[in-house]
PDB file of all heavy atoms in Angstrom:
ATOM      1  N   LEU A   1       0.840  -1.192   0.000  1.00  0.00           N
ATOM      2  CA  LEU A   1       0.000   0.000   0.000  1.00  0.00           C
ATOM      3  C   LEU A   1       0.875   1.242   0.000  1.00  0.00           C
ATOM      4  O   LEU A   1       1.625   1.496   0.910  1.00  0.00           O
ATOM      5  CB  LEU A   1      -0.904  -0.009   1.239  1.00  0.00           C
ATOM      6  CG  LEU A   1      -1.845   1.183   1.416  1.00  0.00           C
ATOM      7  CD1 LEU A   1      -2.838   1.230   0.266  1.00  0.00           C
ATOM      8  CD2 LEU A   1      -2.579   1.078   2.733  1.00  0.00           C
ATOM      9  N   VAL A   2       0.782   2.016  -1.064  1.00  0.00           N
ATOM     10  CA  VAL A   2       1.558   3.253  -1.147  1.00  0.00           C
ATOM     11  C   VAL A   2       0.598   4.363  -1.513  1.00  0.00           C
ATOM     12  O   VAL A   2       0.035   4.379  -2.594  1.00  0.00           O
ATOM     13  CB  VAL A   2       2.668   3.160  -2.212  1.00  0.00           C
ATOM     14  CG1 VAL A   2       3.462   4.456  -2.261  1.00  0.00           C
ATOM     15  CG2 VAL A   2       3.593   1.999  -1.900  1.00  0.00           C
ATOM     16  N   LEU A   3       0.374   5.278  -0.590  1.00  0.00           N
ATOM     17  CA  LEU A   3      -0.553   6.376  -0.802  1.00  0.00           C
ATOM     18  C   LEU A   3       0.104   7.674  -0.371  1.00  0.00           C
ATOM     19  O   LEU A   3       0.942   7.690   0.517  1.00  0.00           O
ATOM     20  CB  LEU A   3      -1.847   6.162   0.011  1.00  0.00           C
ATOM     21  CG  LEU A   3      -2.691   4.944  -0.371  1.00  0.00           C
ATOM     22  CD1 LEU A   3      -3.708   4.674   0.715  1.00  0.00           C
ATOM     23  CD2 LEU A   3      -3.390   5.167  -1.695  1.00  0.00           C
ATOM     24  N   SER A   4      -0.284   8.761  -0.983  1.00  0.00           N
ATOM     25  CA  SER A   4       0.266  10.055  -0.573  1.00  0.00           C
ATOM     26  C   SER A   4      -0.580  10.603   0.553  1.00  0.00           C
ATOM     27  O   SER A   4      -1.765  10.850   0.380  1.00  0.00           O
ATOM     28  CB  SER A   4       0.255  11.024  -1.758  1.00  0.00           C
ATOM     29  OG  SER A   4      -1.052  11.207  -2.238  1.00  0.00           O
ATOM     30  N   ALA A   5       0.019  10.770   1.706  1.00  0.00           N
ATOM     31  CA  ALA A   5      -0.722  11.219   2.876  1.00  0.00           C
ATOM     32  C   ALA A   5      -0.653  12.732   2.990  1.00  0.00           C
ATOM     33  O   ALA A   5       0.352  13.347   2.694  1.00  0.00           O
ATOM     34  CB  ALA A   5      -0.138  10.582   4.135  1.00  0.00           C
ATOM     35  N   ALA A   6      -1.752  13.305   3.451  1.00  0.00           N
ATOM     36  CA  ALA A   6      -1.794  14.751   3.616  1.00  0.00           C
ATOM     37  C   ALA A   6      -1.247  15.142   4.968  1.00  0.00           C
ATOM     38  O   ALA A   6      -1.488  14.484   5.957  1.00  0.00           O
ATOM     39  CB  ALA A   6      -3.228  15.237   3.482  1.00  0.00           C
ATOM     40  N   ALA A   7      -0.476  16.208   5.014  1.00  0.00           N
ATOM     41  CA  ALA A   7       0.012  16.724   6.287  1.00  0.00           C
ATOM     42  C   ALA A   7      -1.112  17.490   6.968  1.00  0.00           C
ATOM     43  O   ALA A   7      -2.134  17.792   6.375  1.00  0.00           O
ATOM     44  CB  ALA A   7       1.203  17.637   6.047  1.00  0.00           C
ATOM     45  N   CYS A   8      -0.906  17.764   8.249  1.00  0.00           N
ATOM     46  CA  CYS A   8      -1.906  18.492   9.015  1.00  0.00           C
ATOM     47  C   CYS A   8      -2.262  19.796   8.326  1.00  0.00           C
ATOM     48  O   CYS A   8      -1.392  20.565   7.937  1.00  0.00           O
ATOM     49  CB  CYS A   8      -1.362  18.780  10.415  1.00  0.00           C
ATOM     50  SG  CYS A   8      -2.466  19.768  11.422  1.00  0.00           S
ATOM     51  N   GLY A   9      -3.551  20.043   8.181  1.00  0.00           N
ATOM     52  CA  GLY A   9      -4.002  21.294   7.607  1.00  0.00           C
ATOM     53  C   GLY A   9      -4.188  21.240   6.100  1.00  0.00           C
ATOM     54  O   GLY A   9      -4.809  22.114   5.521  1.00  0.00           O
ATOM     55  N   GLU A  10      -3.673  20.212   5.428  1.00  0.00           N
ATOM     56  CA  GLU A  10      -3.862  20.073   3.998  1.00  0.00           C
ATOM     57  C   GLU A  10      -5.089  19.232   3.718  1.00  0.00           C
ATOM     58  O   GLU A  10      -5.617  18.578   4.597  1.00  0.00           O
ATOM     59  CB  GLU A  10      -2.626  19.407   3.360  1.00  0.00           C
ATOM     60  CG  GLU A  10      -1.356  20.225   3.534  1.00  0.00           C
ATOM     61  CD  GLU A  10      -0.146  19.497   2.988  1.00  0.00           C
ATOM     62  OE1 GLU A  10      -0.302  18.371   2.504  1.00  0.00           O
ATOM     63  OE2 GLU A  10       0.946  20.071   3.053  1.00  0.00           O
ATOM     64  N   ALA A  11      -5.525  19.231   2.466  1.00  0.00           N
ATOM     65  CA  ALA A  11      -6.674  18.410   2.105  1.00  0.00           C
ATOM     66  C   ALA A  11      -6.313  16.944   2.265  1.00  0.00           C
ATOM     67  O   ALA A  11      -5.304  16.492   1.745  1.00  0.00           O
ATOM     68  CB  ALA A  11      -7.073  18.696   0.659  1.00  0.00           C
ATOM     69  N   PRO A  12      -7.117  16.175   2.997  1.00  0.00           N
ATOM     70  CA  PRO A  12      -6.784  14.770   3.241  1.00  0.00           C
ATOM     71  C   PRO A  12      -7.022  13.885   2.037  1.00  0.00           C
ATOM     72  O   PRO A  12      -7.772  14.237   1.132  1.00  0.00           O
ATOM     73  CB  PRO A  12      -7.720  14.383   4.389  1.00  0.00           C
ATOM     74  CG  PRO A  12      -8.887  15.303   4.244  1.00  0.00           C
ATOM     75  CD  PRO A  12      -8.328  16.583   3.711  1.00  0.00           C
ATOM     76  N   GLU A  13      -6.369  12.737   2.044  1.00  0.00           N
ATOM     77  CA  GLU A  13      -6.577  11.714   1.025  1.00  0.00           C
ATOM     78  C   GLU A  13      -8.023  11.268   1.075  1.00  0.00           C
ATOM     79  O   GLU A  13      -8.595  11.049   2.131  1.00  0.00           O
ATOM     80  CB  GLU A  13      -5.659  10.523   1.295  1.00  0.00           C
ATOM     81  CG  GLU A  13      -5.823   9.359   0.337  1.00  0.00           C
ATOM     82  CD  GLU A  13      -5.190   9.614  -1.018  1.00  0.00           C
ATOM     83  OE1 GLU A  13      -4.349  10.524  -1.117  1.00  0.00           O
ATOM     84  OE2 GLU A  13      -5.536   8.899  -1.959  1.00  0.00           O
ATOM     85  N   SER A  14      -8.637  11.115  -0.073  1.00  0.00           N
ATOM     86  CA  SER A  14     -10.062  10.791  -0.101  1.00  0.00           C
ATOM     87  C   SER A  14     -10.341   9.710  -1.116  1.00  0.00           C
ATOM     88  O   SER A  14      -9.704   9.625  -2.153  1.00  0.00           O
ATOM     89  CB  SER A  14     -10.886  12.040  -0.434  1.00  0.00           C
ATOM     90  OG  SER A  14     -12.261  11.731  -0.512  1.00  0.00           O
ATOM     91  N   ASN A  15     -11.324   8.870  -0.831  1.00  0.00           N
ATOM     92  CA  ASN A  15     -11.832   7.874  -1.762  1.00  0.00           C
ATOM     93  C   ASN A  15     -13.318   8.115  -1.938  1.00  0.00           C
ATOM     94  O   ASN A  15     -14.138   7.352  -1.452  1.00  0.00           O
ATOM     95  CB  ASN A  15     -11.615   6.454  -1.223  1.00  0.00           C
ATOM     96  CG  ASN A  15     -10.282   5.891  -1.627  1.00  0.00           C
ATOM     97  OD1 ASN A  15      -9.458   6.589  -2.186  1.00  0.00           O
ATOM     98  ND2 ASN A  15     -10.066   4.622  -1.344  1.00  0.00           N
ATOM     99  N   ASN A  16     -13.692   9.190  -2.578  1.00  0.00           N
ATOM    100  CA  ASN A  16     -15.100   9.497  -2.766  1.00  0.00           C
ATOM    101  C   ASN A  16     -15.608   8.811  -4.017  1.00  0.00           C
ATOM    102  O   ASN A  16     -14.970   8.833  -5.054  1.00  0.00           O
ATOM    103  CB  ASN A  16     -15.305  11.013  -2.876  1.00  0.00           C
ATOM    104  CG  ASN A  16     -14.988  11.717  -1.568  1.00  0.00           C
ATOM    105  OD1 ASN A  16     -15.169  11.135  -0.502  1.00  0.00           O
ATOM    106  ND2 ASN A  16     -14.498  12.955  -1.643  1.00  0.00           N
ATOM    107  N   ALA A  17     -16.764   8.221  -3.917  1.00  0.00           N
ATOM    108  CA  ALA A  17     -17.286   7.396  -5.004  1.00  0.00           C
ATOM    109  C   ALA A  17     -18.467   8.069  -5.682  1.00  0.00           C
ATOM    110  O   ALA A  17     -19.608   7.639  -5.562  1.00  0.00           O
ATOM    111  CB  ALA A  17     -17.686   6.021  -4.476  1.00  0.00           C
ATOM    112  N   GLY A  18     -18.182   9.162  -6.365  1.00  0.00           N
ATOM    113  CA  GLY A  18     -19.221   9.772  -7.170  1.00  0.00           C
ATOM    114  C   GLY A  18     -20.349  10.349  -6.348  1.00  0.00           C
ATOM    115  O   GLY A  18     -20.249  10.594  -5.173  1.00  0.00           O
ATOM    116  N   SER A  19     -21.489  10.592  -7.011  1.00  0.00           N
ATOM    117  CA  SER A  19     -22.636  11.180  -6.350  1.00  0.00           C
ATOM    118  C   SER A  19     -23.734  10.154  -6.204  1.00  0.00           C
ATOM    119  O   SER A  19     -23.572   8.997  -6.535  1.00  0.00           O
ATOM    120  CB  SER A  19     -23.116  12.384  -7.161  1.00  0.00           C
ATOM    121  OG  SER A  19     -23.426  11.973  -8.474  1.00  0.00           O
ATOM    122  N   GLY A  20     -24.890  10.605  -5.724  1.00  0.00           N
ATOM    123  CA  GLY A  20     -26.021   9.694  -5.608  1.00  0.00           C
ATOM    124  C   GLY A  20     -26.313   9.351  -4.184  1.00  0.00           C
ATOM    125  O   GLY A  20     -25.839   8.344  -3.675  1.00  0.00           O
ATOM    126  N   GLY A  21     -27.084  10.190  -3.520  1.00  0.00           N
ATOM    127  CA  GLY A  21     -27.459   9.893  -2.148  1.00  0.00           C
ATOM    128  C   GLY A  21     -26.424  10.376  -1.161  1.00  0.00           C
ATOM    129  O   GLY A  21     -25.270  10.598  -1.499  1.00  0.00           O
ATOM    130  N   GLU A  22     -26.861  10.510   0.090  1.00  0.00           N
ATOM    131  CA  GLU A  22     -25.954  10.984   1.122  1.00  0.00           C
ATOM    132  C   GLU A  22     -25.042   9.855   1.574  1.00  0.00           C
ATOM    133  O   GLU A  22     -25.493   8.756   1.893  1.00  0.00           O
ATOM    134  CB  GLU A  22     -26.759  11.522   2.313  1.00  0.00           C
ATOM    135  CG  GLU A  22     -25.899  12.212   3.352  1.00  0.00           C
ATOM    136  CD  GLU A  22     -26.727  12.925   4.405  1.00  0.00           C
ATOM    137  OE1 GLU A  22     -27.896  13.253   4.108  1.00  0.00           O
ATOM    138  OE2 GLU A  22     -26.203  13.138   5.507  1.00  0.00           O
ATOM    139  N   LYS A  23     -23.763  10.128   1.599  1.00  0.00           N
ATOM    140  CA  LYS A  23     -22.774   9.110   1.943  1.00  0.00           C
ATOM    141  C   LYS A  23     -22.521   9.082   3.458  1.00  0.00           C
ATOM    142  O   LYS A  23     -22.689  10.088   4.151  1.00  0.00           O
ATOM    143  CB  LYS A  23     -21.450   9.400   1.224  1.00  0.00           C
ATOM    144  CG  LYS A  23     -21.529   9.294  -0.291  1.00  0.00           C
ATOM    145  CD  LYS A  23     -21.682   7.857  -0.745  1.00  0.00           C
ATOM    146  CE  LYS A  23     -21.617   7.749  -2.262  1.00  0.00           C
ATOM    147  NZ  LYS A  23     -21.668   6.337  -2.722  1.00  0.00           N
ATOM    148  N   TYR A  24     -22.099   7.917   3.935  1.00  0.00           N
ATOM    149  CA  TYR A  24     -21.627   7.787   5.314  1.00  0.00           C
ATOM    150  C   TYR A  24     -20.118   7.948   5.265  1.00  0.00           C
ATOM    151  O   TYR A  24     -19.416   7.170   4.592  1.00  0.00           O
ATOM    152  CB  TYR A  24     -22.006   6.426   5.895  1.00  0.00           C
ATOM    153  CG  TYR A  24     -21.609   6.261   7.345  1.00  0.00           C
ATOM    154  CD1 TYR A  24     -22.479   6.620   8.364  1.00  0.00           C
ATOM    155  CD2 TYR A  24     -20.355   5.755   7.690  1.00  0.00           C
ATOM    156  CE1 TYR A  24     -22.130   6.479   9.699  1.00  0.00           C
ATOM    157  CE2 TYR A  24     -19.984   5.619   9.024  1.00  0.00           C
ATOM    158  CZ  TYR A  24     -20.884   5.982  10.027  1.00  0.00           C
ATOM    159  OH  TYR A  24     -20.513   5.859  11.343  1.00  0.00           O
ATOM    160  N   THR A  25     -19.589   8.954   5.929  1.00  0.00           N
ATOM    161  CA  THR A  25     -18.165   9.252   5.828  1.00  0.00           C
ATOM    162  C   THR A  25     -17.386   8.705   7.022  1.00  0.00           C
ATOM    163  O   THR A  25     -17.702   8.996   8.170  1.00  0.00           O
ATOM    164  CB  THR A  25     -17.920  10.773   5.729  1.00  0.00           C
ATOM    165  OG1 THR A  25     -18.611  11.434   6.794  1.00  0.00           O
ATOM    166  CG2 THR A  25     -18.432  11.301   4.395  1.00  0.00           C
ATOM    167  N   ALA A  26     -16.383   7.908   6.718  1.00  0.00           N
ATOM    168  CA  ALA A  26     -15.481   7.364   7.737  1.00  0.00           C
ATOM    169  C   ALA A  26     -14.101   7.963   7.495  1.00  0.00           C
ATOM    170  O   ALA A  26     -13.508   7.767   6.428  1.00  0.00           O
ATOM    171  CB  ALA A  26     -15.429   5.841   7.651  1.00  0.00           C
ATOM    172  N   CYS A  27     -13.610   8.706   8.479  1.00  0.00           N
ATOM    173  CA  CYS A  27     -12.398   9.508   8.311  1.00  0.00           C
ATOM    174  C   CYS A  27     -11.344   9.062   9.326  1.00  0.00           C
ATOM    175  O   CYS A  27     -11.629   8.964  10.518  1.00  0.00           O
ATOM    176  CB  CYS A  27     -12.724  10.986   8.529  1.00  0.00           C
ATOM    177  SG  CYS A  27     -14.113  11.573   7.522  1.00  0.00           S
ATOM    178  N   MET A  28     -10.139   8.823   8.870  1.00  0.00           N
ATOM    179  CA  MET A  28      -9.098   8.257   9.721  1.00  0.00           C
ATOM    180  C   MET A  28      -7.937   9.223   9.908  1.00  0.00           C
ATOM    181  O   MET A  28      -7.464   9.852   8.967  1.00  0.00           O
ATOM    182  CB  MET A  28      -8.588   6.958   9.084  1.00  0.00           C
ATOM    183  CG  MET A  28      -7.485   6.264   9.857  1.00  0.00           C
ATOM    184  SD  MET A  28      -7.023   4.696   9.072  1.00  0.00           S
ATOM    185  CE  MET A  28      -5.320   5.046   8.624  1.00  0.00           C
ATOM    186  N   VAL A  29      -7.455   9.314  11.141  1.00  0.00           N
ATOM    187  CA  VAL A  29      -6.251  10.077  11.469  1.00  0.00           C
ATOM    188  C   VAL A  29      -5.152   9.079  11.815  1.00  0.00           C
ATOM    189  O   VAL A  29      -5.277   8.310  12.769  1.00  0.00           O
ATOM    190  CB  VAL A  29      -6.490  11.039  12.656  1.00  0.00           C
ATOM    191  CG1 VAL A  29      -5.212  11.794  12.989  1.00  0.00           C
ATOM    192  CG2 VAL A  29      -7.621  12.015  12.339  1.00  0.00           C
ATOM    193  N   THR A  30      -4.068   9.085  11.040  1.00  0.00           N
ATOM    194  CA  THR A  30      -2.983   8.147  11.316  1.00  0.00           C
ATOM    195  C   THR A  30      -2.125   8.637  12.472  1.00  0.00           C
ATOM    196  O   THR A  30      -2.108   9.817  12.814  1.00  0.00           O
ATOM    197  CB  THR A  30      -2.042   7.949  10.114  1.00  0.00           C
ATOM    198  OG1 THR A  30      -1.119   9.042  10.032  1.00  0.00           O
ATOM    199  CG2 THR A  30      -2.801   7.801   8.816  1.00  0.00           C
ATOM    200  N   ASP A  31      -1.381   7.708  13.038  1.00  0.00           N
ATOM    201  CA  ASP A  31      -0.307   8.067  13.959  1.00  0.00           C
ATOM    202  C   ASP A  31       0.893   8.505  13.118  1.00  0.00           C
ATOM    203  O   ASP A  31       0.854   8.477  11.877  1.00  0.00           O
ATOM    204  CB  ASP A  31       0.032   6.864  14.845  1.00  0.00           C
ATOM    205  CG  ASP A  31       0.677   7.272  16.158  1.00  0.00           C
ATOM    206  OD1 ASP A  31       1.143   8.418  16.272  1.00  0.00           O
ATOM    207  OD2 ASP A  31       0.713   6.442  17.083  1.00  0.00           O
ATOM    208  N   VAL A  32       1.981   8.863  13.780  1.00  0.00           N
ATOM    209  CA  VAL A  32       3.113   9.451  13.081  1.00  0.00           C
ATOM    210  C   VAL A  32       3.847   8.484  12.162  1.00  0.00           C
ATOM    211  O   VAL A  32       4.640   8.906  11.329  1.00  0.00           O
ATOM    212  CB  VAL A  32       4.113  10.077  14.077  1.00  0.00           C
ATOM    213  CG1 VAL A  32       3.495  11.270  14.764  1.00  0.00           C
ATOM    214  CG2 VAL A  32       4.587   9.050  15.103  1.00  0.00           C
ATOM    215  N   GLY A  33       3.590   7.189  12.271  1.00  0.00           N
ATOM    216  CA  GLY A  33       4.265   6.231  11.403  1.00  0.00           C
ATOM    217  C   GLY A  33       3.840   6.345   9.950  1.00  0.00           C
ATOM    218  O   GLY A  33       4.521   5.845   9.062  1.00  0.00           O
ATOM    219  N   GLY A  34       2.681   6.962   9.696  1.00  0.00           N
ATOM    220  CA  GLY A  34       2.231   7.153   8.320  1.00  0.00           C
ATOM    221  C   GLY A  34       1.421   5.998   7.789  1.00  0.00           C
ATOM    222  O   GLY A  34       1.410   4.896   8.332  1.00  0.00           O
ATOM    223  N   ILE A  35       0.744   6.248   6.684  1.00  0.00           N
ATOM    224  CA  ILE A  35      -0.200   5.280   6.119  1.00  0.00           C
ATOM    225  C   ILE A  35       0.490   4.026   5.601  1.00  0.00           C
ATOM    226  O   ILE A  35      -0.095   2.951   5.546  1.00  0.00           O
ATOM    227  CB  ILE A  35      -1.024   5.944   4.986  1.00  0.00           C
ATOM    228  CG1 ILE A  35      -2.286   5.131   4.660  1.00  0.00           C
ATOM    229  CG2 ILE A  35      -0.185   6.164   3.733  1.00  0.00           C
ATOM    230  CD1 ILE A  35      -3.337   5.188   5.729  1.00  0.00           C
ATOM    231  N   ASP A  36       1.755   4.140   5.222  1.00  0.00           N
ATOM    232  CA  ASP A  36       2.452   3.005   4.625  1.00  0.00           C
ATOM    233  C   ASP A  36       3.497   2.428   5.574  1.00  0.00           C
ATOM    234  O   ASP A  36       4.587   2.060   5.174  1.00  0.00           O
ATOM    235  CB  ASP A  36       3.117   3.440   3.306  1.00  0.00           C
ATOM    236  CG  ASP A  36       3.527   2.254   2.449  1.00  0.00           C
ATOM    237  OD1 ASP A  36       2.806   1.240   2.461  1.00  0.00           O
ATOM    238  OD2 ASP A  36       4.574   2.333   1.783  1.00  0.00           O
TER     239      ASP A  36
END
């Protein structure tokens, strides 16, 4: 898994799947080790 992680205050990494109805949003804050 290699993803570009956003630093504090920047726009976070997102996996938004188009439109159509209200989505349930699950948002994760990593520890300092990073996403990878």
